[in-house]
Amino acid sequence: MKTSIQFSIILPTLNEETNVTLIINKIIQILDEYSRSVDYEIVVVDDNSSDNTVKEVKKLIDNYPNVCITLHERSAKPGLAYSIKDGIVIAKYDNVMLMDSDFNHDPGYIPVFLEMFSVFNQKAIVSGSRYIPGGGMSNKRFRYLGSYVFNLYIKLFLRSNLNDHLSGFTLFNKKILNAPAYDEIFYGYGDYYIRLLSYAKGLRVKIVELPINYTERFYGVSKTDFKRYFILYTKSVLKIVFNKLWNTEKAGPVIPEGAFDKFEFEYFENLCPNCKSSAIYIKYKLNKYNILECRECEARYANPHISDKGVGELYKNNKSLAEIFSFQSNYFEYDRGESEEIAKIIYTISKQFNVLDSGVSLIDVACGSGGFLNLLSVKTRLKLNGIDRLKNNQNPETGNSINLINSEFLSHDFQDNKYKIITLLDALEHFPEPERVIKKCFDIADTNALLIISSPDTDSLLNIIVDLAYKCSLGRLRKPAEIVYIFEHILFFNLKSLNALLSRPGGKFEIVDYFKINTNLSLYDFSFVTGAGLRAVFLLNKLFGKENRIVVFAKINAA
């Protein structure tokens, strides 16, 4: 049995008093005869018509009491794209079909669109195309040729595999678009469709082209001024090209594909996961995911990102990690205590607390194999605790002096236990909801507790080099970014973004100290060439004070 489809048909109108009646009658007739069960509405968005279009629509509403026909009369800024945007916003269904009300778009194609939409589980964009086999235009040789040539020009400049960027006849789920991006897409005239398809391709949404034939409008005069709109559309294409070059495209979710199908992925929508701002954009388009950046707090994050379950599968053991990242083949065997970073952390702890006092409790969140705790058990008398959900990776030699908790940090019930020192060493970047993590730390923090966070730092010379390589290659050189923004990490911080996170309501901490340091390359099994290159960059990192890791020390903000 075919599944039911719910969708809204958006019909923008401007002086279409005769056509609007005919096309709505035709739509209703076709859907009444359609074999699949559908729940639909027709949303007529009138752009302040000077004829009787509105009256005709109101008659249709009375004539079809069992069909949901909605009339939206616009009085704001006029324009086709603005009308379409209003229609999408007020549509009661998530699936929306955009079509002209003058019969350029034949309602007879609606069932074909719906069938193809169902084939792709209602997750693709189905777009009508005049320029694939089976498509075309009726009795408009000059118009057909001009539109065809212009579409070739768009295809060339945007490096697109689509054949028709201007048809405007489409069916998609509006949830694929971030609401803040509406204003960036829906303005002007038919050029909105170029932006819509380009935006969707940036999100790696599947776009399926169906052959359609443009028919003559039944009545009235076309509003298209070819010369005027040629200039307008050219400007739109050049603006998209500029945005691609300088990474100013608006961001949204993308769908993972290819090599990482073995892991579950999820995506963020609309807001920065660090500060909840909507001022986000695509920084890097990588092969399997995008890196987004927040203009407000400067946090960067992967979209889509590996799910919580996927993290568990990836970090199951050395073998599971090495299958994806060969340079991490000994991840669970390394001893954190050998690094300069850990030595500095212990030194800072010793300045704040008496490390020989067994009454001072410390908890290491996502403690892994317990290497940091092992070192502390030798050098201090602190009351040591570690929590990690992967029990098989906890070192069994830690002994009775360390309390290891096999549990998920965010869901674990700590009861009344409070800790003077809480460490998140290479942990925060793996949580998709960092605010919850900080709130949890706040809840288990004792009076005058010290919170220590270590993380890769985006404000480094290495990141500047990666950015230059990406931009100078026009986005083609992606491998450096994929190494730095490794997909096992969800978020990427710098001092500003960490400060924004720690000072958010619900878990206020204040950064009291920090230091920067380079990654300890001895922990990884890079090739000779890659390792030599990274060592050279890290030397420059240190020279310019732009190391690629940051460690912050924060205390509860009494204010």
Protein backbone atom coordinates (compact mmCIF):
# COMPACT_ATOMS: atom_id res chain seq x y z
CA MET A 1 0.00 0.00 0.00
CA LYS A 2 1.34 3.40 -0.95
CA THR A 3 2.05 5.74 1.93
CA SER A 4 0.12 8.97 2.27
CA ILE A 5 1.78 12.28 1.43
CA GLN A 6 1.06 15.62 3.03
CA PHE A 7 2.07 18.71 1.11
CA SER A 8 1.24 22.36 0.46
CA ILE A 9 1.05 23.84 -3.05
CA ILE A 10 2.28 27.44 -3.14
CA LEU A 11 0.70 29.53 -5.93
CA PRO A 12 2.02 33.11 -6.15
CA THR A 13 -0.33 35.37 -8.09
CA LEU A 14 -0.22 38.83 -9.64
CA ASN A 15 -3.19 39.74 -11.85
CA GLU A 16 -4.14 36.15 -12.66
CA GLU A 17 -7.93 36.43 -12.29
CA THR A 18 -8.67 33.93 -15.07
CA ASN A 19 -5.71 31.59 -14.75
CA VAL A 20 -6.00 31.13 -10.97
CA THR A 21 -9.49 29.67 -11.26
CA LEU A 22 -8.51 27.32 -14.04
CA ILE A 23 -5.33 26.07 -12.41
CA ILE A 24 -6.90 25.44 -9.00
CA ASN A 25 -9.77 23.55 -10.62
CA LYS A 26 -7.23 21.49 -12.54
CA ILE A 27 -5.11 20.76 -9.45
CA ILE A 28 -8.13 19.56 -7.50
CA GLN A 29 -9.29 17.37 -10.39
CA ILE A 30 -5.85 15.75 -10.78
CA LEU A 31 -5.41 15.05 -7.08
CA ASP A 32 -8.93 13.64 -6.82
CA GLU A 33 -8.00 11.12 -9.52
CA TYR A 34 -4.56 10.36 -8.10
CA SER A 35 -4.09 6.77 -6.87
CA ARG A 36 -2.14 7.70 -3.75
CA SER A 37 -3.76 9.08 -0.61
CA VAL A 38 -2.79 12.74 -0.18
CA ASP A 39 -3.50 15.46 2.32
CA TYR A 40 -2.88 18.78 0.69
CA GLU A 41 -3.62 22.47 0.84
CA ILE A 42 -3.42 25.17 -1.81
CA VAL A 43 -1.83 28.38 -0.59
CA VAL A 44 -2.48 31.35 -2.88
CA VAL A 45 -0.16 34.25 -2.14
CA ASP A 46 -1.40 37.35 -3.92
CA ASP A 47 1.06 40.17 -4.52
CA ASN A 48 -1.46 43.03 -4.40
CA SER A 49 -3.21 42.28 -7.71
CA SER A 50 -5.09 45.15 -9.32
CA ASP A 51 -7.62 42.87 -11.03
CA ASN A 52 -10.16 40.43 -9.55
CA THR A 53 -7.69 37.68 -8.59
CA VAL A 54 -8.51 37.91 -4.88
CA LYS A 55 -12.27 37.79 -5.53
CA GLU A 56 -11.87 34.72 -7.72
CA VAL A 57 -9.86 32.91 -5.06
CA LYS A 58 -12.48 33.72 -2.43
CA LYS A 59 -15.14 32.22 -4.72
CA LEU A 60 -13.06 29.06 -5.02
CA ILE A 61 -12.79 28.82 -1.24
CA ASP A 62 -16.61 28.86 -1.08
CA ASN A 63 -16.96 26.42 -3.99
CA TYR A 64 -14.61 23.84 -2.44
CA PRO A 65 -15.51 23.57 1.25
CA ASN A 66 -13.74 20.17 1.51
CA VAL A 67 -10.46 21.46 0.06
CA CYS A 68 -8.12 23.57 2.14
CA ILE A 69 -7.51 26.72 0.09
CA THR A 70 -5.71 29.52 1.90
CA LEU A 71 -5.49 33.09 0.59
CA HIS A 72 -2.67 35.29 1.79
CA GLU A 73 -2.85 38.90 0.61
CA ARG A 74 0.52 40.62 0.69
CA SER A 75 1.01 44.33 1.23
CA ALA A 76 4.72 44.28 2.03
CA LYS A 77 7.62 44.54 -0.43
CA PRO A 78 6.39 43.22 -3.80
CA GLY A 79 8.13 40.46 -5.74
CA LEU A 80 7.74 36.84 -6.79
CA ALA A 81 10.38 35.49 -4.41
CA TYR A 82 8.94 37.35 -1.43
CA SER A 83 5.52 35.87 -2.19
CA ILE A 84 6.99 32.37 -2.32
CA LYS A 85 8.80 32.89 0.97
CA ASP A 86 5.56 34.00 2.65
CA GLY A 87 3.82 30.93 1.25
CA ILE A 88 6.47 28.58 2.62
CA VAL A 89 6.33 30.22 6.03
CA ILE A 90 2.54 29.97 6.40
CA ALA A 91 2.23 26.50 4.81
CA LYS A 92 0.87 24.04 7.36
CA TYR A 93 2.74 21.08 5.87
CA ASP A 94 6.52 20.64 5.77
CA ASN A 95 6.48 19.36 2.19
CA VAL A 96 5.93 22.26 -0.20
CA MET A 97 5.44 22.39 -3.96
CA LEU A 98 6.25 25.63 -5.77
CA MET A 99 4.58 26.26 -9.12
CA ASP A 100 3.42 29.13 -11.30
CA SER A 101 -0.26 29.99 -11.49
CA ASP A 102 -0.26 30.80 -15.23
CA PHE A 103 0.03 27.19 -16.55
CA ASN A 104 3.71 27.49 -17.45
CA HIS A 105 3.90 24.66 -14.91
CA ASP A 106 1.45 21.98 -15.98
CA PRO A 107 -0.50 20.58 -12.97
CA GLY A 108 -0.48 17.23 -14.78
CA TYR A 109 3.08 16.71 -13.53
CA ILE A 110 2.07 16.84 -9.87
CA PRO A 111 1.55 13.04 -9.51
CA VAL A 112 4.95 12.42 -11.16
CA PHE A 113 6.61 14.78 -8.68
CA LEU A 114 4.90 13.04 -5.78
CA GLU A 115 5.95 9.58 -6.95
CA MET A 116 9.60 10.59 -7.33
CA PHE A 117 9.49 12.39 -3.98
CA SER A 118 8.29 9.15 -2.38
CA VAL A 119 11.06 7.13 -4.05
CA PHE A 120 13.57 9.23 -2.11
CA ASN A 121 11.58 8.97 1.16
CA GLN A 122 10.51 12.61 0.92
CA LYS A 123 14.09 13.74 1.64
CA ALA A 124 15.21 14.92 -1.81
CA ILE A 125 14.42 18.02 -3.82
CA VAL A 126 12.47 17.13 -6.94
CA SER A 127 13.09 19.82 -9.54
CA GLY A 128 11.49 20.20 -12.95
CA SER A 129 13.89 20.52 -15.89
CA ARG A 130 13.28 21.63 -19.46
CA TYR A 131 16.76 20.63 -20.57
CA ILE A 132 16.92 16.89 -20.03
CA PRO A 133 15.45 14.27 -22.39
CA GLY A 134 11.67 14.57 -22.33
CA GLY A 135 11.67 18.24 -21.33
CA GLY A 136 11.16 21.37 -23.39
CA MET A 137 9.13 24.54 -24.02
CA SER A 138 6.13 25.15 -26.30
CA ASN A 139 6.29 27.57 -29.24
CA LYS A 140 8.99 29.80 -27.81
CA ARG A 141 12.13 29.14 -29.81
CA PHE A 142 13.92 32.37 -28.90
CA ARG A 143 12.91 32.13 -25.27
CA TYR A 144 13.92 28.46 -25.14
CA LEU A 145 17.32 29.14 -26.73
CA GLY A 146 18.03 32.15 -24.51
CA SER A 147 17.06 30.28 -21.35
CA TYR A 148 19.06 27.22 -22.44
CA VAL A 149 22.23 29.25 -23.07
CA PHE A 150 21.84 31.10 -19.78
CA ASN A 151 21.44 27.81 -17.91
CA LEU A 152 24.67 26.58 -19.51
CA TYR A 153 26.36 29.74 -18.25
CA ILE A 154 25.01 29.14 -14.72
CA LYS A 155 26.08 25.50 -14.84
CA LEU A 156 29.61 26.50 -15.86
CA PHE A 157 30.08 29.24 -13.29
CA LEU A 158 28.59 27.30 -10.40
CA ARG A 159 30.25 24.01 -11.41
CA SER A 160 26.81 22.42 -11.15
CA ASN A 161 25.61 19.11 -12.54
CA LEU A 162 22.04 20.39 -12.79
CA ASN A 163 20.54 21.30 -16.15
CA ASP A 164 17.79 23.77 -15.26
CA HIS A 165 18.39 26.36 -12.53
CA LEU A 166 15.41 28.53 -13.43
CA SER A 167 12.33 26.32 -13.78
CA GLY A 168 10.91 27.09 -10.33
CA PHE A 169 8.73 23.96 -10.44
CA THR A 170 9.78 21.94 -7.42
CA LEU A 171 8.78 19.81 -4.44
CA PHE A 172 10.83 19.60 -1.23
CA ASN A 173 10.65 19.47 2.56
CA LYS A 174 11.09 22.99 3.91
CA LYS A 175 12.94 21.64 6.95
CA ILE A 176 16.03 21.25 4.80
CA LEU A 177 16.27 25.03 4.85
CA ASN A 178 17.28 26.92 7.95
CA ALA A 179 14.67 29.58 8.64
CA PRO A 180 17.39 32.28 9.00
CA ALA A 181 18.43 31.47 5.42
CA TYR A 182 15.04 32.37 3.94
CA ASP A 183 16.00 36.02 3.60
CA GLU A 184 19.23 35.02 1.86
CA ILE A 185 17.36 32.96 -0.74
CA PHE A 186 13.93 34.44 -1.35
CA TYR A 187 14.30 37.89 -2.81
CA GLY A 188 14.20 39.31 -6.32
CA TYR A 189 12.42 37.42 -9.06
CA GLY A 190 13.13 33.95 -10.49
CA ASP A 191 16.78 34.17 -9.44
CA TYR A 192 15.68 32.90 -6.02
CA TYR A 193 15.63 29.43 -7.61
CA ILE A 194 19.33 29.63 -8.50
CA ARG A 195 20.08 30.43 -4.85
CA LEU A 196 17.75 27.73 -3.57
CA LEU A 197 19.41 24.98 -5.61
CA SER A 198 22.91 26.25 -4.84
CA TYR A 199 22.10 26.37 -1.12
CA ALA A 200 20.70 22.84 -1.20
CA LYS A 201 23.74 21.52 -3.04
CA GLY A 202 25.92 23.12 -0.37
CA LEU A 203 24.02 21.08 2.17
CA ARG A 204 24.53 17.96 0.02
CA VAL A 205 20.79 17.45 -0.27
CA LYS A 206 19.86 15.10 -3.08
CA ILE A 207 18.39 16.98 -6.07
CA VAL A 208 16.47 14.93 -8.65
CA GLU A 209 15.56 16.49 -12.00
CA LEU A 210 12.35 15.47 -13.75
CA PRO A 211 11.63 16.35 -17.40
CA ILE A 212 8.88 18.94 -17.80
CA ASN A 213 7.48 20.87 -20.74
CA TYR A 214 6.72 24.54 -20.32
CA THR A 215 3.32 25.30 -21.81
CA GLU A 216 1.92 28.65 -22.96
CA ARG A 217 0.18 30.73 -20.32
CA PHE A 218 -3.57 30.45 -20.87
CA TYR A 219 -4.47 34.11 -20.37
CA GLY A 220 -2.78 37.39 -19.59
CA VAL A 221 0.70 38.75 -20.24
CA SER A 222 4.00 37.41 -18.90
CA LYS A 223 5.71 39.61 -16.32
CA THR A 224 9.18 38.49 -17.45
CA ASP A 225 11.40 41.21 -18.94
CA PHE A 226 14.21 39.15 -20.51
CA LYS A 227 16.89 41.87 -20.60
CA ARG A 228 16.19 43.11 -17.10
CA TYR A 229 16.18 39.66 -15.57
CA PHE A 230 19.26 38.56 -17.49
CA ILE A 231 21.20 41.28 -15.66
CA LEU A 232 19.54 40.42 -12.33
CA TYR A 233 20.23 36.70 -12.66
CA THR A 234 23.84 37.33 -13.70
CA LYS A 235 24.39 39.38 -10.55
CA SER A 236 22.93 36.54 -8.48
CA VAL A 237 25.25 33.97 -10.06
CA LEU A 238 28.32 36.16 -9.51
CA LYS A 239 27.32 36.74 -5.90
CA ILE A 240 27.05 32.97 -5.31
CA VAL A 241 30.49 32.48 -6.86
CA PHE A 242 31.92 35.19 -4.61
CA ASN A 243 30.32 33.63 -1.55
CA LYS A 244 31.77 30.24 -2.44
CA LEU A 245 35.25 31.71 -2.79
CA TRP A 246 35.13 33.55 0.53
CA ASN A 247 33.05 31.10 2.53
CA THR A 248 30.18 33.45 3.31
CA GLU A 249 27.46 30.93 2.47
CA LYS A 250 24.76 30.44 5.04
CA ALA A 251 25.04 27.19 6.90
CA GLY A 252 22.71 24.29 7.40
CA PRO A 253 22.61 20.56 7.87
CA VAL A 254 24.11 18.18 5.33
CA ILE A 255 23.54 14.48 4.84
CA PRO A 256 26.51 12.14 5.43
CA GLU A 257 27.34 9.76 2.65
CA GLY A 258 29.97 7.30 1.46
CA ALA A 259 32.71 5.92 3.66
CA PHE A 260 31.19 6.75 7.01
CA ASP A 261 27.91 4.88 6.53
CA LYS A 262 28.92 2.49 9.32
CA PHE A 263 28.46 5.27 11.89
CA GLU A 264 25.35 7.13 12.84
CA PHE A 265 25.35 10.85 12.10
CA GLU A 266 23.20 13.68 13.35
CA TYR A 267 23.04 17.32 12.40
CA PHE A 268 22.64 20.67 14.10
CA GLU A 269 19.90 22.97 12.88
CA ASN A 270 19.75 26.75 12.84
CA LEU A 271 21.78 27.60 15.95
CA CYS A 272 25.37 27.42 17.09
CA PRO A 273 25.60 24.56 19.65
CA ASN A 274 28.01 26.63 21.73
CA CYS A 275 26.25 30.00 22.14
CA LYS A 276 22.87 29.43 20.41
CA SER A 277 23.44 32.22 17.89
CA SER A 278 21.91 31.95 14.41
CA ALA A 279 24.88 33.83 12.88
CA ILE A 280 26.45 30.68 11.41
CA TYR A 281 28.04 30.01 8.03
CA ILE A 282 29.91 27.28 6.20
CA LYS A 283 33.64 27.64 6.78
CA TYR A 284 34.82 24.53 4.93
CA LYS A 285 33.01 22.12 2.64
CA LEU A 286 34.78 18.82 3.17
CA ASN A 287 34.18 15.49 1.44
CA LYS A 288 31.86 13.93 4.03
CA TYR A 289 30.82 16.85 6.22
CA ASN A 290 31.00 20.62 6.53
CA ILE A 291 32.75 22.73 9.14
CA LEU A 292 30.57 25.61 10.29
CA GLU A 293 31.63 28.69 12.20
CA CYS A 294 29.66 30.99 14.47
CA ARG A 295 30.27 34.68 13.84
CA GLU A 296 29.33 35.50 17.42
CA CYS A 297 31.49 33.19 19.55
CA GLU A 298 33.87 31.85 16.85
CA ALA A 299 33.15 28.21 17.73
CA ARG A 300 33.44 25.80 14.84
CA TYR A 301 31.63 22.51 14.54
CA ALA A 302 31.08 19.57 12.22
CA ASN A 303 27.76 19.25 10.44
CA PRO A 304 26.73 16.48 10.26
CA HIS A 305 28.49 15.21 13.32
CA ILE A 306 29.05 11.70 14.53
CA SER A 307 26.27 10.66 16.92
CA ASP A 308 26.74 9.69 20.55
CA LYS A 309 26.30 6.05 19.56
CA GLY A 310 28.80 6.54 16.74
CA VAL A 311 31.39 7.94 19.17
CA GLY A 312 30.97 4.82 21.28
CA GLU A 313 31.52 2.59 18.25
CA LEU A 314 34.52 4.59 17.08
CA TYR A 315 36.23 4.58 20.49
CA LYS A 316 35.46 0.95 21.25
CA ASN A 317 39.15 0.03 21.05
CA ASN A 318 42.37 0.72 19.16
CA LYS A 319 41.27 -1.44 16.24
CA SER A 320 38.02 0.44 15.67
CA LEU A 321 39.91 3.74 15.72
CA ALA A 322 42.70 2.52 13.45
CA GLU A 323 40.18 1.36 10.84
CA ILE A 324 39.30 5.01 10.27
CA PHE A 325 42.40 6.85 11.51
CA SER A 326 45.53 4.77 11.02
CA PHE A 327 47.65 7.37 12.85
CA GLN A 328 45.69 6.66 16.08
CA SER A 329 46.50 2.95 16.20
CA ASN A 330 47.88 3.21 19.77
CA TYR A 331 45.42 5.75 21.14
CA PHE A 332 44.61 3.84 24.34
CA GLU A 333 48.18 2.90 25.14
CA TYR A 334 49.78 6.31 25.41
CA ASP A 335 50.75 7.79 28.76
CA ARG A 336 49.47 11.34 29.15
CA GLY A 337 52.07 11.92 31.84
CA GLU A 338 54.88 12.08 29.30
CA SER A 339 53.62 15.34 27.81
CA GLU A 340 54.58 18.90 28.66
CA GLU A 341 50.89 19.79 28.70
CA ILE A 342 50.07 17.43 31.57
CA ALA A 343 53.11 18.59 33.54
CA LYS A 344 51.84 22.19 33.31
CA ILE A 345 48.34 21.15 34.36
CA ILE A 346 49.66 19.35 37.46
CA TYR A 347 51.84 22.35 38.31
CA THR A 348 48.83 24.69 38.13
CA ILE A 349 46.78 22.33 40.33
CA SER A 350 49.60 22.30 42.90
CA LYS A 351 49.49 26.11 43.08
CA GLN A 352 45.76 26.06 43.85
CA PHE A 353 45.52 23.06 46.18
CA ASN A 354 47.60 21.01 48.57
CA VAL A 355 48.16 17.94 46.39
CA LEU A 356 49.22 15.93 49.42
CA ASP A 357 45.77 16.38 51.00
CA SER A 358 43.72 13.23 50.45
CA GLY A 359 40.58 15.24 51.20
CA VAL A 360 40.86 17.12 47.88
CA SER A 361 38.79 15.21 45.34
CA LEU A 362 39.37 15.23 41.58
CA ILE A 363 37.28 13.73 38.80
CA ASP A 364 38.57 13.21 35.27
CA VAL A 365 35.66 13.23 32.81
CA ALA A 366 36.03 10.80 29.89
CA CYS A 367 39.15 9.42 31.55
CA GLY A 368 39.79 6.81 28.86
CA SER A 369 42.57 4.43 29.86
CA GLY A 370 43.28 6.40 33.03
CA GLY A 371 46.79 7.51 32.10
CA PHE A 372 46.34 10.97 33.65
CA LEU A 373 44.93 9.46 36.85
CA ASN A 374 47.77 6.93 37.01
CA LEU A 375 50.29 9.75 36.96
CA LEU A 376 48.41 11.69 39.63
CA SER A 377 48.30 8.62 41.86
CA VAL A 378 52.11 8.58 41.81
CA LYS A 379 52.72 12.31 42.21
CA THR A 380 49.88 13.36 44.55
CA ARG A 381 47.65 12.17 47.36
CA LEU A 382 44.49 13.55 45.82
CA LYS A 383 41.26 11.59 46.05
CA LEU A 384 41.10 10.45 42.44
CA ASN A 385 38.01 9.59 40.41
CA GLY A 386 37.46 8.93 36.72
CA ILE A 387 34.33 8.45 34.65
CA ASP A 388 34.14 6.90 31.19
CA ARG A 389 31.39 4.91 29.54
CA LEU A 390 33.84 2.55 27.81
CA LYS A 391 34.90 0.17 30.56
CA ASN A 392 37.07 -1.99 28.32
CA ASN A 393 39.44 0.92 27.73
CA GLN A 394 40.02 1.69 31.41
CA ASN A 395 43.42 0.51 32.56
CA PRO A 396 42.98 -2.37 35.07
CA GLU A 397 46.32 -1.49 36.70
CA THR A 398 45.03 1.76 38.19
CA GLY A 399 44.53 -0.01 41.51
CA ASN A 400 42.34 0.72 44.49
CA SER A 401 43.57 4.30 44.88
CA ILE A 402 41.50 5.40 41.89
CA ASN A 403 37.73 5.17 41.74
CA LEU A 404 36.73 4.40 38.16
CA ILE A 405 33.07 4.90 37.22
CA ASN A 406 31.79 3.11 34.14
CA SER A 407 28.94 5.41 33.17
CA GLU A 408 27.83 8.22 30.86
CA PHE A 409 28.81 11.54 32.42
CA LEU A 410 25.69 13.53 31.55
CA SER A 411 23.24 10.88 32.78
CA HIS A 412 25.20 9.63 35.79
CA ASP A 413 23.74 10.30 39.24
CA PHE A 414 26.57 11.68 41.37
CA GLN A 415 24.17 12.00 44.33
CA ASP A 416 25.77 14.41 46.80
CA ASN A 417 29.36 13.95 45.66
CA LYS A 418 31.22 17.20 45.03
CA TYR A 419 34.65 17.69 43.53
CA LYS A 420 37.32 20.33 44.05
CA ILE A 421 38.94 19.65 40.68
CA ILE A 422 37.10 18.68 37.48
CA THR A 423 39.10 17.92 34.36
CA LEU A 424 37.87 17.71 30.78
CA LEU A 425 41.03 16.72 28.93
CA ASP A 426 40.36 16.20 25.21
CA ALA A 427 36.73 15.55 26.10
CA LEU A 428 34.57 18.62 25.51
CA GLU A 429 35.00 18.51 21.74
CA HIS A 430 33.19 15.13 21.67
CA PHE A 431 29.93 16.41 23.20
CA PRO A 432 27.26 17.85 20.85
CA GLU A 433 25.71 19.79 23.76
CA PRO A 434 28.64 21.50 25.50
CA GLU A 435 26.34 23.68 27.59
CA ARG A 436 24.92 20.58 29.28
CA VAL A 437 28.44 19.39 30.07
CA ILE A 438 29.38 22.68 31.71
CA LYS A 439 26.08 22.74 33.62
CA LYS A 440 26.81 19.22 34.90
CA CYS A 441 30.29 20.32 35.98
CA PHE A 442 28.72 23.27 37.78
CA ASP A 443 26.32 20.93 39.60
CA ILE A 444 29.07 18.64 40.91
CA ALA A 445 31.56 21.41 41.67
CA ASP A 446 32.54 21.98 45.29
CA THR A 447 33.15 25.43 46.75
CA ASN A 448 36.02 27.19 44.94
CA ALA A 449 36.30 24.26 42.53
CA LEU A 450 38.75 24.39 39.64
CA LEU A 451 37.56 23.36 36.16
CA ILE A 452 40.29 22.43 33.67
CA ILE A 453 39.56 22.08 29.95
CA SER A 454 42.07 21.10 27.27
CA SER A 455 41.11 21.17 23.62
CA PRO A 456 42.43 21.79 20.11
CA ASP A 457 42.63 25.54 19.48
CA THR A 458 41.30 27.03 16.23
CA ASP A 459 43.29 30.23 16.83
CA SER A 460 46.58 28.71 15.69
CA LEU A 461 49.07 29.14 12.87
CA LEU A 462 48.21 25.63 11.68
CA ASN A 463 44.59 26.68 11.18
CA ILE A 464 45.66 29.83 9.33
CA ILE A 465 47.71 27.68 6.92
CA VAL A 466 44.78 25.29 6.44
CA ASP A 467 42.48 28.24 5.73
CA LEU A 468 44.86 29.72 3.16
CA ALA A 469 45.29 26.36 1.42
CA TYR A 470 41.52 25.91 1.21
CA LYS A 471 40.81 29.42 -0.08
CA CYS A 472 43.71 29.61 -2.55
CA SER A 473 42.61 26.30 -4.07
CA LEU A 474 39.01 27.54 -4.28
CA GLY A 475 37.93 24.79 -1.90
CA ARG A 476 39.58 21.96 -3.80
CA LEU A 477 42.43 21.32 -1.33
CA ARG A 478 40.45 19.76 1.52
CA LYS A 479 42.82 17.17 2.96
CA PRO A 480 44.62 19.57 5.37
CA ALA A 481 41.27 20.69 6.78
CA GLU A 482 40.11 17.09 7.14
CA ILE A 483 43.23 16.29 9.19
CA VAL A 484 42.85 19.31 11.47
CA TYR A 485 39.05 19.13 11.71
CA ILE A 486 38.96 15.40 12.19
CA PHE A 487 35.42 14.02 12.02
CA GLU A 488 35.59 12.29 15.43
CA HIS A 489 35.49 15.78 16.96
CA ILE A 490 32.20 17.62 17.01
CA LEU A 491 33.23 21.07 18.22
CA PHE A 492 36.39 23.14 17.87
CA PHE A 493 37.15 25.96 20.30
CA ASN A 494 39.37 28.95 20.88
CA LEU A 495 39.66 31.20 23.93
CA LYS A 496 36.70 33.37 22.88
CA SER A 497 34.34 30.45 22.27
CA LEU A 498 35.34 28.74 25.54
CA ASN A 499 34.74 31.96 27.42
CA ALA A 500 31.31 32.32 25.76
CA LEU A 501 30.43 28.77 26.78
CA LEU A 502 31.64 29.00 30.37
CA SER A 503 29.83 32.27 31.02
CA ARG A 504 26.44 31.10 29.77
CA PRO A 505 23.50 31.01 32.25
CA GLY A 506 23.07 27.78 34.18
CA GLY A 507 26.72 27.08 34.81
CA LYS A 508 28.76 30.23 35.12
CA PHE A 509 32.50 29.86 35.29
CA GLU A 510 35.18 32.48 34.86
CA ILE A 511 38.48 31.75 33.15
CA VAL A 512 41.29 32.64 35.55
CA ASP A 513 44.26 31.34 33.59
CA TYR A 514 45.18 29.56 30.36
CA PHE A 515 48.13 28.48 28.28
CA LYS A 516 48.69 27.32 24.72
CA ILE A 517 50.80 24.38 23.65
CA ASN A 518 51.43 22.19 20.61
CA THR A 519 50.04 18.69 20.18
CA ASN A 520 52.40 15.95 21.34
CA LEU A 521 53.11 14.26 18.00
CA SER A 522 54.69 11.24 19.68
CA LEU A 523 51.18 10.05 20.49
CA TYR A 524 50.36 9.56 16.81
CA ASP A 525 51.65 7.32 14.06
CA PHE A 526 51.97 9.77 11.15
CA SER A 527 53.98 9.06 8.01
CA PHE A 528 57.49 10.51 7.89
CA VAL A 529 56.49 13.27 5.45
CA THR A 530 53.33 14.27 7.34
CA GLY A 531 55.14 14.15 10.69
CA ALA A 532 58.02 16.27 9.39
CA GLY A 533 55.61 18.82 7.95
CA LEU A 534 53.67 19.07 11.20
CA ARG A 535 56.84 19.46 13.24
CA ALA A 536 57.93 22.35 11.02
CA VAL A 537 54.53 24.03 11.41
CA PHE A 538 54.55 23.45 15.18
CA LEU A 539 57.94 25.12 15.40
CA LEU A 540 56.43 28.17 13.73
CA ASN A 541 53.39 27.86 16.00
CA LYS A 542 55.61 28.25 19.03
CA LEU A 543 57.67 31.03 17.47
CA PHE A 544 54.57 33.16 16.84
CA GLY A 545 52.67 32.12 19.98
CA LYS A 546 50.04 30.38 17.88
CA GLU A 547 50.15 26.82 19.25
CA ASN A 548 47.33 24.50 18.21
CA ARG A 549 46.06 23.49 21.67
CA ILE A 550 44.63 25.49 24.54
CA VAL A 551 44.22 24.64 28.23
CA VAL A 552 41.97 26.88 30.35
CA PHE A 553 41.49 27.00 34.11
CA ALA A 554 38.15 28.32 35.34
CA LYS A 555 36.45 28.90 38.67
CA ILE A 556 32.83 29.49 39.57
CA ASN A 557 31.94 33.12 38.99
CA ALA A 558 30.75 34.40 42.34
CA ALA A 559 29.10 37.38 40.68
